[in-house]
Amino acid sequence: MHTQALSPAEIQQRVQELEPWFHNLNLGGVRTAPDHFLGDYPMVKFQGIRPCAAAGYAGEDGAGHRVQRGLLLP
């Protein structure tokens, strides 16, 4: 398991090695698909459902991982 943080340049290199990306993820400031044909996908979808989400949502994602709405919906 890799436990050392990667630099932005290392993240960018790995992102390019793993192209093409469908989801535009923000990995330490590096976007995986900044020119996605749906825009900033899936964030545009998250923004659409944001008003329906509880203001202080926190819990588990179904796989036992702790999640907070702020991590998904900045």
C-alpha atoms as a PDB file:
ATOM      1  CA  MET A   1       0.000   0.000   0.000  1.00  0.00           C
ATOM      2  CA  HIS A   2       1.232   3.466  -0.931  1.00  0.00           C
ATOM      3  CA  THR A   3       1.200   5.677   2.165  1.00  0.00           C
ATOM      4  CA  GLN A   4       3.273   8.670   1.037  1.00  0.00           C
ATOM      5  CA  ALA A   5       1.403  11.655  -0.421  1.00  0.00           C
ATOM      6  CA  LEU A   6       1.979  12.315  -4.105  1.00  0.00           C
ATOM      7  CA  SER A   7       2.971  15.710  -5.436  1.00  0.00           C
ATOM      8  CA  PRO A   8       0.643  17.438  -7.909  1.00  0.00           C
ATOM      9  CA  ALA A   9       3.119  16.599 -10.709  1.00  0.00           C
ATOM     10  CA  GLU A  10       3.058  12.905  -9.728  1.00  0.00           C
ATOM     11  CA  ILE A  11      -0.746  12.935  -9.588  1.00  0.00           C
ATOM     12  CA  GLN A  12      -0.882  14.594 -13.029  1.00  0.00           C
ATOM     13  CA  GLN A  13       1.442  11.933 -14.430  1.00  0.00           C
ATOM     14  CA  ARG A  14      -0.718   9.096 -13.032  1.00  0.00           C
ATOM     15  CA  VAL A  15      -3.909  10.771 -14.285  1.00  0.00           C
ATOM     16  CA  GLN A  16      -2.426  10.962 -17.787  1.00  0.00           C
ATOM     17  CA  GLU A  17      -1.265   7.328 -17.606  1.00  0.00           C
ATOM     18  CA  LEU A  18      -4.819   6.226 -16.744  1.00  0.00           C
ATOM     19  CA  GLU A  19      -6.645   8.277 -19.424  1.00  0.00           C
ATOM     20  CA  PRO A  20      -9.322   8.448 -20.657  1.00  0.00           C
ATOM     21  CA  TRP A  21     -11.418   9.451 -17.644  1.00  0.00           C
ATOM     22  CA  PHE A  22     -15.213   9.710 -17.617  1.00  0.00           C
ATOM     23  CA  HIS A  23     -15.599  11.423 -14.246  1.00  0.00           C
ATOM     24  CA  ASN A  24     -13.926  14.775 -13.645  1.00  0.00           C
ATOM     25  CA  LEU A  25     -12.481  14.141 -10.200  1.00  0.00           C
ATOM     26  CA  ASN A  26     -10.413  16.617  -8.207  1.00  0.00           C
ATOM     27  CA  LEU A  27      -7.368  14.664  -7.040  1.00  0.00           C
ATOM     28  CA  GLY A  28      -5.284  17.007  -4.951  1.00  0.00           C
ATOM     29  CA  GLY A  29      -6.046  19.919  -7.274  1.00  0.00           C
ATOM     30  CA  VAL A  30      -5.540  17.873 -10.455  1.00  0.00           C
ATOM     31  CA  ARG A  31      -8.695  17.381 -12.552  1.00  0.00           C
ATOM     32  CA  THR A  32      -9.078  14.033 -14.294  1.00  0.00           C
ATOM     33  CA  ALA A  33     -11.368  15.212 -17.140  1.00  0.00           C
ATOM     34  CA  PRO A  34     -11.411  19.020 -17.248  1.00  0.00           C
ATOM     35  CA  ASP A  35     -12.774  19.077 -20.830  1.00  0.00           C
ATOM     36  CA  HIS A  36     -15.576  16.550 -20.228  1.00  0.00           C
ATOM     37  CA  PHE A  37     -18.441  16.841 -22.723  1.00  0.00           C
ATOM     38  CA  LEU A  38     -20.948  17.076 -19.819  1.00  0.00           C
ATOM     39  CA  GLY A  39     -18.973  19.845 -18.124  1.00  0.00           C
ATOM     40  CA  ASP A  40     -17.778  19.316 -14.567  1.00  0.00           C
ATOM     41  CA  TYR A  41     -19.325  15.853 -14.317  1.00  0.00           C
ATOM     42  CA  PRO A  42     -20.387  14.529 -11.807  1.00  0.00           C
ATOM     43  CA  MET A  43     -20.270  17.798  -9.803  1.00  0.00           C
ATOM     44  CA  VAL A  44     -23.008  19.299 -12.010  1.00  0.00           C
ATOM     45  CA  LYS A  45     -25.245  16.406 -10.951  1.00  0.00           C
ATOM     46  CA  PHE A  46     -24.333  16.797  -7.273  1.00  0.00           C
ATOM     47  CA  GLN A  47     -25.170  20.505  -7.454  1.00  0.00           C
ATOM     48  CA  GLY A  48     -28.564  19.587  -8.889  1.00  0.00           C
ATOM     49  CA  ILE A  49     -29.465  17.396  -5.919  1.00  0.00           C
ATOM     50  CA  ARG A  50     -27.793  19.567  -3.305  1.00  0.00           C
ATOM     51  CA  PRO A  51     -31.017  21.303  -2.231  1.00  0.00           C
ATOM     52  CA  CYS A  52     -32.538  17.881  -1.507  1.00  0.00           C
ATOM     53  CA  ALA A  53     -29.678  16.752   0.750  1.00  0.00           C
ATOM     54  CA  ALA A  54     -29.916  17.272   4.492  1.00  0.00           C
ATOM     55  CA  ALA A  55     -27.890  20.299   5.597  1.00  0.00           C
ATOM     56  CA  GLY A  56     -25.752  18.378   8.069  1.00  0.00           C
ATOM     57  CA  TYR A  57     -25.612  14.997   6.363  1.00  0.00           C
ATOM     58  CA  ALA A  58     -22.985  12.642   7.713  1.00  0.00           C
ATOM     59  CA  GLY A  59     -23.009   8.880   7.924  1.00  0.00           C
ATOM     60  CA  GLU A  60     -21.860   5.843   5.985  1.00  0.00           C
ATOM     61  CA  ASP A  61     -21.844   5.270   2.254  1.00  0.00           C
ATOM     62  CA  GLY A  62     -23.157   1.705   2.449  1.00  0.00           C
ATOM     63  CA  ALA A  63     -19.684   0.209   2.233  1.00  0.00           C
ATOM     64  CA  GLY A  64     -18.799   1.232   5.780  1.00  0.00           C
ATOM     65  CA  HIS A  65     -16.854   4.354   4.800  1.00  0.00           C
ATOM     66  CA  ARG A  66     -17.570   7.479   6.828  1.00  0.00           C
ATOM     67  CA  VAL A  67     -18.744  10.320   4.624  1.00  0.00           C
ATOM     68  CA  GLN A  68     -19.675  13.961   5.096  1.00  0.00           C
ATOM     69  CA  ARG A  69     -21.696  15.964   2.651  1.00  0.00           C
ATOM     70  CA  GLY A  70     -19.030  18.660   2.547  1.00  0.00           C
ATOM     71  CA  LEU A  71     -16.593  16.248   0.973  1.00  0.00           C
ATOM     72  CA  LEU A  72     -18.964  15.476  -1.867  1.00  0.00           C
ATOM     73  CA  LEU A  73     -20.732  18.793  -2.231  1.00  0.00           C
ATOM     74  CA  PRO A  74     -18.324  21.649  -1.613  1.00  0.00           C
END
